[in-house]
PDB file of N, CA and C in Angstrom:
ATOM      1  N   UNK A   1       0.845  -1.171   0.000  1.00  0.00           N
ATOM      2  CA  UNK A   1       0.000   0.000   0.000  1.00  0.00           C
ATOM      3  C   UNK A   1       0.889   1.232   0.000  1.00  0.00           C
ATOM      4  N   UNK A   2       0.701   2.091  -0.932  1.00  0.00           N
ATOM      5  CA  UNK A   2       1.504   3.300  -1.037  1.00  0.00           C
ATOM      6  C   UNK A   2       0.657   4.499  -0.634  1.00  0.00           C
ATOM      7  N   UNK A   3       1.211   5.322   0.220  1.00  0.00           N
ATOM      8  CA  UNK A   3       0.502   6.514   0.676  1.00  0.00           C
ATOM      9  C   UNK A   3       1.208   7.725   0.093  1.00  0.00           C
ATOM     10  N   UNK A   4       0.516   8.498  -0.749  1.00  0.00           N
ATOM     11  CA  UNK A   4       1.170   9.677  -1.323  1.00  0.00           C
ATOM     12  C   UNK A   4       1.423  10.730  -0.257  1.00  0.00           C
ATOM     13  N   UNK A   5       2.559  11.374  -0.374  1.00  0.00           N
ATOM     14  CA  UNK A   5       2.915  12.433   0.564  1.00  0.00           C
ATOM     15  C   UNK A   5       2.828  13.752  -0.184  1.00  0.00           C
ATOM     16  N   UNK A   6       1.994  14.645   0.317  1.00  0.00           N
ATOM     17  CA  UNK A   6       1.825  15.957  -0.298  1.00  0.00           C
ATOM     18  C   UNK A   6       2.266  17.004   0.709  1.00  0.00           C
ATOM     19  N   UNK A   7       3.569  17.202   0.799  1.00  0.00           N
ATOM     20  CA  UNK A   7       4.110  18.120   1.798  1.00  0.00           C
ATOM     21  C   UNK A   7       3.571  19.539   1.643  1.00  0.00           C
ATOM     22  N   UNK A   8       3.310  19.957   0.410  1.00  0.00           N
ATOM     23  CA  UNK A   8       2.833  21.310   0.210  1.00  0.00           C
ATOM     24  C   UNK A   8       1.366  21.465   0.626  1.00  0.00           C
ATOM     25  N   UNK A   9       0.639  20.355   0.823  1.00  0.00           N
ATOM     26  CA  UNK A   9      -0.765  20.423   1.212  1.00  0.00           C
ATOM     27  C   UNK A   9      -0.994  19.864   2.612  1.00  0.00           C
ATOM     28  N   UNK A  10       0.059  19.571   3.350  1.00  0.00           N
ATOM     29  CA  UNK A  10      -0.061  18.987   4.689  1.00  0.00           C
ATOM     30  C   UNK A  10      -0.652  20.045   5.610  1.00  0.00           C
ATOM     31  N   UNK A  11      -1.834  19.763   6.133  1.00  0.00           N
ATOM     32  CA  UNK A  11      -2.497  20.735   6.978  1.00  0.00           C
ATOM     33  C   UNK A  11      -3.258  19.990   8.064  1.00  0.00           C
ATOM     34  N   UNK A  12      -2.571  19.632   9.137  1.00  0.00           N
ATOM     35  CA  UNK A  12      -3.185  18.907  10.238  1.00  0.00           C
ATOM     36  C   UNK A  12      -3.518  19.905  11.329  1.00  0.00           C
ATOM     37  N   UNK A  13      -4.777  19.982  11.672  1.00  0.00           N
ATOM     38  CA  UNK A  13      -5.226  20.900  12.709  1.00  0.00           C
ATOM     39  C   UNK A  13      -5.137  20.210  14.068  1.00  0.00           C
ATOM     40  N   UNK A  14      -4.724  20.948  15.062  1.00  0.00           N
ATOM     41  CA  UNK A  14      -4.675  20.414  16.425  1.00  0.00           C
ATOM     42  C   UNK A  14      -6.096  20.196  16.923  1.00  0.00           C
ATOM     43  N   UNK A  15      -6.293  19.137  17.679  1.00  0.00           N
ATOM     44  CA  UNK A  15      -7.612  18.872  18.263  1.00  0.00           C
ATOM     45  C   UNK A  15      -7.884  19.883  19.375  1.00  0.00           C
ATOM     46  N   UNK A  16      -9.148  19.979  19.778  1.00  0.00           N
ATOM     47  CA  UNK A  16      -9.503  20.876  20.888  1.00  0.00           C
ATOM     48  C   UNK A  16      -8.746  20.486  22.154  1.00  0.00           C
ATOM     49  N   UNK A  17      -8.636  19.194  22.395  1.00  0.00           N
ATOM     50  CA  UNK A  17      -7.914  18.719  23.588  1.00  0.00           C
ATOM     51  C   UNK A  17      -6.452  19.143  23.520  1.00  0.00           C
ATOM     52  N   UNK A  18      -5.825  18.982  22.352  1.00  0.00           N
ATOM     53  CA  UNK A  18      -4.418  19.372  22.209  1.00  0.00           C
ATOM     54  C   UNK A  18      -4.248  20.879  22.400  1.00  0.00           C
ATOM     55  N   UNK A  19      -5.163  21.657  21.845  1.00  0.00           N
ATOM     56  CA  UNK A  19      -5.071  23.125  21.996  1.00  0.00           C
ATOM     57  C   UNK A  19      -5.251  23.557  23.444  1.00  0.00           C
ATOM     58  N   UNK A  20      -6.004  22.801  24.218  1.00  0.00           N
ATOM     59  CA  UNK A  20      -6.278  23.171  25.604  1.00  0.00           C
ATOM     60  C   UNK A  20      -5.367  22.472  26.604  1.00  0.00           C
ATOM     61  N   UNK A  21      -4.378  21.759  26.113  1.00  0.00           N
ATOM     62  CA  UNK A  21      -3.446  21.060  26.992  1.00  0.00           C
ATOM     63  C   UNK A  21      -2.302  21.996  27.357  1.00  0.00           C
ATOM     64  N   UNK A  22      -1.949  22.011  28.621  1.00  0.00           N
ATOM     65  CA  UNK A  22      -0.863  22.873  29.098  1.00  0.00           C
ATOM     66  C   UNK A  22       0.264  21.997  29.639  1.00  0.00           C
ATOM     67  N   UNK A  23       1.456  22.204  29.151  1.00  0.00           N
ATOM     68  CA  UNK A  23       2.625  21.486  29.628  1.00  0.00           C
ATOM     69  C   UNK A  23       3.508  22.496  30.361  1.00  0.00           C
ATOM     70  N   UNK A  24       3.564  22.431  31.688  1.00  0.00           N
ATOM     71  CA  UNK A  24       4.321  23.445  32.431  1.00  0.00           C
ATOM     72  C   UNK A  24       5.808  23.439  32.110  1.00  0.00           C
ATOM     73  N   UNK A  25       6.376  22.282  31.836  1.00  0.00           N
ATOM     74  CA  UNK A  25       7.807  22.228  31.503  1.00  0.00           C
ATOM     75  C   UNK A  25       8.062  22.914  30.170  1.00  0.00           C
ATOM     76  N   UNK A  26       7.198  22.644  29.186  1.00  0.00           N
ATOM     77  CA  UNK A  26       7.367  23.302  27.886  1.00  0.00           C
ATOM     78  C   UNK A  26       7.245  24.814  28.043  1.00  0.00           C
ATOM     79  N   UNK A  27       6.345  25.268  28.886  1.00  0.00           N
ATOM     80  CA  UNK A  27       6.199  26.715  29.114  1.00  0.00           C
ATOM     81  C   UNK A  27       7.498  27.315  29.639  1.00  0.00           C
ATOM     82  N   UNK A  28       8.144  26.620  30.551  1.00  0.00           N
ATOM     83  CA  UNK A  28       9.411  27.105  31.110  1.00  0.00           C
ATOM     84  C   UNK A  28      10.490  27.133  30.037  1.00  0.00           C
ATOM     85  N   UNK A  29      10.619  26.034  29.298  1.00  0.00           N
ATOM     86  CA  UNK A  29      11.665  25.930  28.272  1.00  0.00           C
ATOM     87  C   UNK A  29      11.459  26.967  27.183  1.00  0.00           C
ATOM     88  N   UNK A  30      10.215  27.140  26.750  1.00  0.00           N
ATOM     89  CA  UNK A  30       9.944  28.098  25.674  1.00  0.00           C
ATOM     90  C   UNK A  30      10.167  29.544  26.105  1.00  0.00           C
ATOM     91  N   UNK A  31      10.117  29.809  27.401  1.00  0.00           N
ATOM     92  CA  UNK A  31      10.311  31.180  27.870  1.00  0.00           C
ATOM     93  C   UNK A  31      11.782  31.500  28.164  1.00  0.00           C
ATOM     94  N   UNK A  32      12.651  30.499  28.107  1.00  0.00           N
ATOM     95  CA  UNK A  32      14.069  30.734  28.389  1.00  0.00           C
ATOM     96  C   UNK A  32      14.702  31.617  27.318  1.00  0.00           C
ATOM     97  N   UNK A  33      15.523  32.519  27.740  1.00  0.00           N
ATOM     98  CA  UNK A  33      16.310  33.336  26.824  1.00  0.00           C
ATOM     99  C   UNK A  33      17.767  32.982  27.099  1.00  0.00           C
ATOM    100  N   UNK A  34      18.375  32.313  26.162  1.00  0.00           N
ATOM    101  CA  UNK A  34      19.740  31.843  26.349  1.00  0.00           C
ATOM    102  C   UNK A  34      20.652  32.593  25.387  1.00  0.00           C
ATOM    103  N   UNK A  35      21.610  33.278  25.952  1.00  0.00           N
ATOM    104  CA  UNK A  35      22.591  33.988  25.135  1.00  0.00           C
ATOM    105  C   UNK A  35      23.757  33.042  24.859  1.00  0.00           C
ATOM    106  N   UNK A  36      24.150  32.891  23.603  1.00  0.00           N
ATOM    107  CA  UNK A  36      25.289  32.029  23.307  1.00  0.00           C
ATOM    108  C   UNK A  36      26.561  32.548  23.970  1.00  0.00           C
ATOM    109  N   UNK A  37      27.386  31.628  24.416  1.00  0.00           N
ATOM    110  CA  UNK A  37      28.662  31.988  25.022  1.00  0.00           C
ATOM    111  C   UNK A  37      29.663  32.226  23.898  1.00  0.00           C
ATOM    112  N   UNK A  38      30.182  33.444  23.759  1.00  0.00           N
ATOM    113  CA  UNK A  38      31.090  33.749  22.649  1.00  0.00           C
ATOM    114  C   UNK A  38      32.431  33.007  22.739  1.00  0.00           C
ATOM    115  N   UNK A  39      32.752  32.471  23.908  1.00  0.00           N
ATOM    116  CA  UNK A  39      34.024  31.756  24.040  1.00  0.00           C
ATOM    117  C   UNK A  39      33.881  30.260  23.721  1.00  0.00           C
ATOM    118  N   UNK A  40      32.679  29.816  23.488  1.00  0.00           N
ATOM    119  CA  UNK A  40      32.439  28.400  23.200  1.00  0.00           C
ATOM    120  C   UNK A  40      32.010  28.241  21.750  1.00  0.00           C
ATOM    121  N   UNK A  41      32.472  27.171  21.116  1.00  0.00           N
ATOM    122  CA  UNK A  41      32.032  26.909  19.744  1.00  0.00           C
ATOM    123  C   UNK A  41      30.751  26.079  19.774  1.00  0.00           C
ATOM    124  N   UNK A  42      29.955  26.231  18.749  1.00  0.00           N
ATOM    125  CA  UNK A  42      28.687  25.521  18.649  1.00  0.00           C
ATOM    126  C   UNK A  42      28.955  24.104  18.155  1.00  0.00           C
ATOM    127  N   UNK A  43      28.317  23.149  18.795  1.00  0.00           N
ATOM    128  CA  UNK A  43      28.433  21.755  18.370  1.00  0.00           C
ATOM    129  C   UNK A  43      27.173  21.410  17.592  1.00  0.00           C
ATOM    130  N   UNK A  44      27.346  20.991  16.351  1.00  0.00           N
ATOM    131  CA  UNK A  44      26.205  20.603  15.534  1.00  0.00           C
ATOM    132  C   UNK A  44      25.717  19.228  15.971  1.00  0.00           C
ATOM    133  N   UNK A  45      24.502  19.161  16.461  1.00  0.00           N
ATOM    134  CA  UNK A  45      23.947  17.887  16.899  1.00  0.00           C
ATOM    135  C   UNK A  45      23.399  17.078  15.740  1.00  0.00           C
ATOM    136  N   UNK A  46      23.271  17.669  14.571  1.00  0.00           N
ATOM    137  CA  UNK A  46      22.755  16.929  13.424  1.00  0.00           C
ATOM    138  C   UNK A  46      23.786  15.962  12.849  1.00  0.00           C
ATOM    139  N   UNK A  47      25.050  16.133  13.222  1.00  0.00           N
ATOM    140  CA  UNK A  47      26.096  15.275  12.674  1.00  0.00           C
ATOM    141  C   UNK A  47      25.887  13.804  13.056  1.00  0.00           C
ATOM    142  N   UNK A  48      25.178  13.573  14.161  1.00  0.00           N
ATOM    143  CA  UNK A  48      24.949  12.208  14.595  1.00  0.00           C
ATOM    144  C   UNK A  48      23.708  11.572  13.994  1.00  0.00           C
ATOM    145  N   UNK A  49      22.941  12.318  13.226  1.00  0.00           N
ATOM    146  CA  UNK A  49      21.723  11.782  12.632  1.00  0.00           C
ATOM    147  C   UNK A  49      22.093  10.992  11.378  1.00  0.00           C
ATOM    148  N   UNK A  50      21.983   9.672  11.414  1.00  0.00           N
ATOM    149  CA  UNK A  50      22.397   8.870  10.264  1.00  0.00           C
ATOM    150  C   UNK A  50      21.463   9.012   9.068  1.00  0.00           C
ATOM    151  N   UNK A  51      20.325   9.665   9.236  1.00  0.00           N
ATOM    152  CA  UNK A  51      19.405   9.815   8.113  1.00  0.00           C
ATOM    153  C   UNK A  51      19.624  11.113   7.347  1.00  0.00           C
ATOM    154  N   UNK A  52      20.510  11.957   7.842  1.00  0.00           N
ATOM    155  CA  UNK A  52      20.730  13.264   7.231  1.00  0.00           C
ATOM    156  C   UNK A  52      21.077  13.173   5.755  1.00  0.00           C
ATOM    157  N   UNK A  53      21.885  12.216   5.391  1.00  0.00           N
ATOM    158  CA  UNK A  53      22.338  12.120   4.012  1.00  0.00           C
ATOM    159  C   UNK A  53      21.693  10.956   3.270  1.00  0.00           C
ATOM    160  N   UNK A  54      20.526  10.523   3.748  1.00  0.00           N
ATOM    161  CA  UNK A  54      19.806   9.463   3.055  1.00  0.00           C
ATOM    162  C   UNK A  54      20.252   8.061   3.432  1.00  0.00           C
ATOM    163  N   UNK A  55      21.082   7.948   4.449  1.00  0.00           N
ATOM    164  CA  UNK A  55      21.531   6.631   4.889  1.00  0.00           C
ATOM    165  C   UNK A  55      20.469   5.996   5.779  1.00  0.00           C
ATOM    166  N   UNK A  56      20.549   4.710   5.950  1.00  0.00           N
ATOM    167  CA  UNK A  56      19.680   3.958   6.856  1.00  0.00           C
ATOM    168  C   UNK A  56      18.198   4.163   6.582  1.00  0.00           C
ATOM    169  N   UNK A  57      17.833   4.092   5.329  1.00  0.00           N
ATOM    170  CA  UNK A  57      16.405   4.169   5.007  1.00  0.00           C
ATOM    171  C   UNK A  57      15.728   2.911   5.514  1.00  0.00           C
ATOM    172  N   UNK A  58      14.523   3.058   6.054  1.00  0.00           N
ATOM    173  CA  UNK A  58      13.846   1.864   6.574  1.00  0.00           C
ATOM    174  C   UNK A  58      13.461   0.928   5.439  1.00  0.00           C
ATOM    175  N   UNK A  59      13.551  -0.373   5.670  1.00  0.00           N
ATOM    176  CA  UNK A  59      13.145  -1.331   4.644  1.00  0.00           C
ATOM    177  C   UNK A  59      11.640  -1.232   4.373  1.00  0.00           C
ATOM    178  N   UNK A  60      11.225  -1.666   3.212  1.00  0.00           N
ATOM    179  CA  UNK A  60       9.811  -1.627   2.824  1.00  0.00           C
ATOM    180  C   UNK A  60       8.945  -2.345   3.852  1.00  0.00           C
ATOM    181  N   UNK A  61       9.441  -3.443   4.419  1.00  0.00           N
ATOM    182  CA  UNK A  61       8.658  -4.192   5.413  1.00  0.00           C
ATOM    183  C   UNK A  61       8.362  -3.337   6.640  1.00  0.00           C
ATOM    184  N   UNK A  62       9.312  -2.499   7.035  1.00  0.00           N
ATOM    185  CA  UNK A  62       9.106  -1.627   8.192  1.00  0.00           C
ATOM    186  C   UNK A  62       8.068  -0.555   7.866  1.00  0.00           C
ATOM    187  N   UNK A  63       8.199   0.045   6.707  1.00  0.00           N
ATOM    188  CA  UNK A  63       7.237   1.073   6.294  1.00  0.00           C
ATOM    189  C   UNK A  63       5.838   0.470   6.202  1.00  0.00           C
ATOM    190  N   UNK A  64       5.724  -0.720   5.601  1.00  0.00           N
ATOM    191  CA  UNK A  64       4.423  -1.391   5.495  1.00  0.00           C
ATOM    192  C   UNK A  64       3.838  -1.690   6.872  1.00  0.00           C
ATOM    193  N   UNK A  65       4.689  -2.149   7.800  1.00  0.00           N
ATOM    194  CA  UNK A  65       4.210  -2.479   9.152  1.00  0.00           C
ATOM    195  C   UNK A  65       3.715  -1.234   9.870  1.00  0.00           C
ATOM    196  N   UNK A  66       4.426  -0.120   9.723  1.00  0.00           N
ATOM    197  CA  UNK A  66       3.996   1.126  10.368  1.00  0.00           C
ATOM    198  C   UNK A  66       2.673   1.594   9.759  1.00  0.00           C
ATOM    199  N   UNK A  67       2.570   1.515   8.436  1.00  0.00           N
ATOM    200  CA  UNK A  67       1.327   1.921   7.781  1.00  0.00           C
ATOM    201  C   UNK A  67       0.157   1.055   8.253  1.00  0.00           C
ATOM    202  N   UNK A  68       0.361  -0.247   8.320  1.00  0.00           N
ATOM    203  CA  UNK A  68      -0.701  -1.148   8.771  1.00  0.00           C
ATOM    204  C   UNK A  68      -1.096  -0.846  10.205  1.00  0.00           C
ATOM    205  N   UNK A  69      -0.114  -0.532  11.041  1.00  0.00           N
ATOM    206  CA  UNK A  69      -0.392  -0.200  12.434  1.00  0.00           C
ATOM    207  C   UNK A  69      -1.232   1.071  12.525  1.00  0.00           C
ATOM    208  N   UNK A  70      -0.892   2.060  11.717  1.00  0.00           N
ATOM    209  CA  UNK A  70      -1.656   3.313  11.726  1.00  0.00           C
ATOM    210  C   UNK A  70      -3.085   3.100  11.231  1.00  0.00           C
ATOM    211  N   UNK A  71      -3.229   2.363  10.147  1.00  0.00           N
ATOM    212  CA  UNK A  71      -4.551   2.134   9.569  1.00  0.00           C
ATOM    213  C   UNK A  71      -5.422   1.303  10.512  1.00  0.00           C
ATOM    214  N   UNK A  72      -4.834   0.341  11.212  1.00  0.00           N
ATOM    215  CA  UNK A  72      -5.609  -0.525  12.109  1.00  0.00           C
ATOM    216  C   UNK A  72      -6.144   0.232  13.322  1.00  0.00           C
ATOM    217  N   UNK A  73      -5.491   1.297  13.707  1.00  0.00           N
ATOM    218  CA  UNK A  73      -5.831   2.093  14.889  1.00  0.00           C
ATOM    219  C   UNK A  73      -5.874   1.258  16.172  1.00  0.00           C
ATOM    220  N   UNK A  74      -5.128   0.149  16.185  1.00  0.00           N
ATOM    221  CA  UNK A  74      -5.066  -0.700  17.380  1.00  0.00           C
ATOM    222  C   UNK A  74      -4.002  -0.233  18.363  1.00  0.00           C
ATOM    223  N   UNK A  75      -3.071   0.576  17.896  1.00  0.00           N
ATOM    224  CA  UNK A  75      -1.937   0.947  18.737  1.00  0.00           C
ATOM    225  C   UNK A  75      -1.845   2.450  18.927  1.00  0.00           C
ATOM    226  N   UNK A  76      -2.976   3.133  18.944  1.00  0.00           N
ATOM    227  CA  UNK A  76      -2.986   4.574  19.202  1.00  0.00           C
ATOM    228  C   UNK A  76      -2.713   4.809  20.687  1.00  0.00           C
ATOM    229  N   UNK A  77      -2.055   5.859  21.004  1.00  0.00           N
ATOM    230  CA  UNK A  77      -1.788   6.186  22.399  1.00  0.00           C
ATOM    231  C   UNK A  77      -0.582   5.432  22.934  1.00  0.00           C
ATOM    232  N   UNK A  78      -0.476   5.411  24.235  1.00  0.00           N
ATOM    233  CA  UNK A  78       0.657   4.776  24.895  1.00  0.00           C
ATOM    234  C   UNK A  78       0.457   3.272  25.003  1.00  0.00           C
ATOM    235  N   UNK A  79       1.548   2.555  24.905  1.00  0.00           N
ATOM    236  CA  UNK A  79       1.521   1.106  25.120  1.00  0.00           C
ATOM    237  C   UNK A  79       1.505   0.843  26.620  1.00  0.00           C
ATOM    238  N   UNK A  80       1.118  -0.373  27.018  1.00  0.00           N
ATOM    239  CA  UNK A  80       1.229  -0.703  28.446  1.00  0.00           C
ATOM    240  C   UNK A  80       2.680  -0.542  28.898  1.00  0.00           C
ATOM    241  N   UNK A  81       2.886  -0.236  30.172  1.00  0.00           N
ATOM    242  CA  UNK A  81       4.250  -0.034  30.662  1.00  0.00           C
ATOM    243  C   UNK A  81       5.107  -1.282  30.483  1.00  0.00           C
ATOM    244  N   UNK A  82       4.474  -2.437  30.431  1.00  0.00           N
ATOM    245  CA  UNK A  82       5.219  -3.692  30.231  1.00  0.00           C
ATOM    246  C   UNK A  82       5.402  -4.019  28.761  1.00  0.00           C
ATOM    247  N   UNK A  83       4.819  -3.217  27.880  1.00  0.00           N
ATOM    248  CA  UNK A  83       4.913  -3.474  26.448  1.00  0.00           C
ATOM    249  C   UNK A  83       3.780  -4.366  25.983  1.00  0.00           C
ATOM    250  N   UNK A  84       3.573  -4.388  24.671  1.00  0.00           N
ATOM    251  CA  UNK A  84       2.553  -5.263  24.100  1.00  0.00           C
ATOM    252  C   UNK A  84       3.052  -6.705  24.128  1.00  0.00           C
ATOM    253  N   UNK A  85       2.153  -7.635  24.366  1.00  0.00           N
ATOM    254  CA  UNK A  85       2.514  -9.045  24.488  1.00  0.00           C
ATOM    255  C   UNK A  85       3.260  -9.544  23.253  1.00  0.00           C
ATOM    256  N   UNK A  86       2.777  -9.221  22.054  1.00  0.00           N
ATOM    257  CA  UNK A  86       3.435  -9.684  20.825  1.00  0.00           C
ATOM    258  C   UNK A  86       4.869  -9.162  20.739  1.00  0.00           C
ATOM    259  N   UNK A  87       5.076  -7.920  21.150  1.00  0.00           N
ATOM    260  CA  UNK A  87       6.418  -7.339  21.116  1.00  0.00           C
ATOM    261  C   UNK A  87       7.324  -8.032  22.123  1.00  0.00           C
ATOM    262  N   UNK A  88       6.810  -8.297  23.337  1.00  0.00           N
ATOM    263  CA  UNK A  88       7.608  -9.003  24.345  1.00  0.00           C
ATOM    264  C   UNK A  88       7.981 -10.398  23.853  1.00  0.00           C
ATOM    265  N   UNK A  89       7.031 -11.077  23.211  1.00  0.00           N
ATOM    266  CA  UNK A  89       7.312 -12.417  22.692  1.00  0.00           C
ATOM    267  C   UNK A  89       8.379 -12.370  21.599  1.00  0.00           C
ATOM    268  N   UNK A  90       8.306 -11.379  20.729  1.00  0.00           N
ATOM    269  CA  UNK A  90       9.295 -11.252  19.654  1.00  0.00           C
ATOM    270  C   UNK A  90      10.681 -10.986  20.221  1.00  0.00           C
ATOM    271  N   UNK A  91      10.769 -10.106  21.221  1.00  0.00           N
ATOM    272  CA  UNK A  91      12.062  -9.809  21.851  1.00  0.00           C
ATOM    273  C   UNK A  91      12.590 -11.044  22.575  1.00  0.00           C
ATOM    274  N   UNK A  92      11.709 -11.748  23.277  1.00  0.00           N
ATOM    275  CA  UNK A  92      12.121 -12.955  24.001  1.00  0.00           C
ATOM    276  C   UNK A  92      12.646 -14.010  23.028  1.00  0.00           C
ATOM    277  N   UNK A  93      11.935 -14.202  21.926  1.00  0.00           N
ATOM    278  CA  UNK A  93      12.378 -15.188  20.931  1.00  0.00           C
ATOM    279  C   UNK A  93      13.724 -14.794  20.333  1.00  0.00           C
ATOM    280  N   UNK A  94      13.871 -13.521  20.006  1.00  0.00           N
ATOM    281  CA  UNK A  94      15.117 -13.037  19.412  1.00  0.00           C
ATOM    282  C   UNK A  94      16.285 -13.181  20.387  1.00  0.00           C
ATOM    283  N   UNK A  95      16.023 -12.944  21.666  1.00  0.00           N
ATOM    284  CA  UNK A  95      17.088 -12.958  22.665  1.00  0.00           C
ATOM    285  C   UNK A  95      17.402 -14.349  23.205  1.00  0.00           C
ATOM    286  N   UNK A  96      16.545 -15.301  22.919  1.00  0.00           N
ATOM    287  CA  UNK A  96      16.743 -16.657  23.438  1.00  0.00           C
ATOM    288  C   UNK A  96      17.792 -17.410  22.632  1.00  0.00           C
ATOM    289  N   UNK A  97      18.376 -18.390  23.282  1.00  0.00           N
ATOM    290  CA  UNK A  97      19.282 -19.309  22.593  1.00  0.00           C
ATOM    291  C   UNK A  97      18.912 -20.712  23.032  1.00  0.00           C
ATOM    292  N   UNK A  98      19.559 -21.694  22.456  1.00  0.00           N
ATOM    293  CA  UNK A  98      19.241 -23.064  22.848  1.00  0.00           C
ATOM    294  C   UNK A  98      19.629 -23.330  24.304  1.00  0.00           C
ATOM    295  N   UNK A  99      20.523 -22.521  24.855  1.00  0.00           N
ATOM    296  CA  UNK A  99      20.983 -22.709  26.233  1.00  0.00           C
ATOM    297  C   UNK A  99      20.257 -21.816  27.239  1.00  0.00           C
ATOM    298  N   UNK A 100      19.639 -20.767  26.744  1.00  0.00           N
ATOM    299  CA  UNK A 100      18.966 -19.824  27.642  1.00  0.00           C
ATOM    300  C   UNK A 100      17.681 -19.340  26.992  1.00  0.00           C
ATOM    301  N   UNK A 101      16.576 -19.830  27.482  1.00  0.00           N
ATOM    302  CA  UNK A 101      15.266 -19.436  26.962  1.00  0.00           C
ATOM    303  C   UNK A 101      14.784 -18.210  27.726  1.00  0.00           C
ATOM    304  N   UNK A 102      14.441 -17.153  26.999  1.00  0.00           N
ATOM    305  CA  UNK A 102      13.918 -15.933  27.601  1.00  0.00           C
ATOM    306  C   UNK A 102      12.399 -15.987  27.516  1.00  0.00           C
ATOM    307  N   UNK A 103      11.738 -15.712  28.633  1.00  0.00           N
ATOM    308  CA  UNK A 103      10.281 -15.745  28.684  1.00  0.00           C
ATOM    309  C   UNK A 103       9.709 -14.341  28.498  1.00  0.00           C
ATOM    310  N   UNK A 104       8.578 -14.261  27.834  1.00  0.00           N
ATOM    311  CA  UNK A 104       7.911 -12.975  27.624  1.00  0.00           C
ATOM    312  C   UNK A 104       6.925 -12.670  28.737  1.00  0.00           C
ATOM    313  N   UNK A 105       6.813 -13.554  29.700  1.00  0.00           N
ATOM    314  CA  UNK A 105       5.856 -13.401  30.792  1.00  0.00           C
ATOM    315  C   UNK A 105       6.299 -12.261  31.707  1.00  0.00           C
ATOM    316  N   UNK A 106       5.321 -11.516  32.212  1.00  0.00           N
ATOM    317  CA  UNK A 106       5.603 -10.424  33.129  1.00  0.00           C
ATOM    318  C   UNK A 106       5.155 -10.840  34.518  1.00  0.00           C
ATOM    319  N   UNK A 107       6.063 -10.785  35.482  1.00  0.00           N
ATOM    320  CA  UNK A 107       5.737 -11.107  36.875  1.00  0.00           C
ATOM    321  C   UNK A 107       5.762  -9.837  37.697  1.00  0.00           C
ATOM    322  N   UNK A 108       4.676  -9.564  38.392  1.00  0.00           N
ATOM    323  CA  UNK A 108       4.622  -8.411  39.276  1.00  0.00           C
ATOM    324  C   UNK A 108       4.668  -8.905  40.704  1.00  0.00           C
ATOM    325  N   UNK A 109       5.485  -8.271  41.495  1.00  0.00           N
ATOM    326  CA  UNK A 109       5.548  -8.595  42.933  1.00  0.00           C
ATOM    327  C   UNK A 109       4.856  -7.489  43.694  1.00  0.00           C
ATOM    328  N   UNK A 110       3.971  -7.876  44.594  1.00  0.00           N
ATOM    329  CA  UNK A 110       3.253  -6.851  45.358  1.00  0.00           C
ATOM    330  C   UNK A 110       3.629  -6.951  46.810  1.00  0.00           C
TER     331      UNK A 110
END
């Protein structure tokens, strides 16, 4: 499934809830006035982004999986703090060996 991207027509409006949400930390950060130190050189943080020059493009399978996840609307919002069961099982299987089996089960101690 291919989804056309129209960057020049991208117009997503914030929901009423988003417009009425207040983040006190963001308010503090956005109000900061920071003067650059003339004795210090600026470090470009973009140099560490491996996607800057087109490297590390996601495989088609990853793009398809993300698209399917979005269309299904099954994974909107935050995941459980323990993660989704399917994801835990996949990580457990990947991390297991014939000598050490990793379980995806979550044990809570109260």
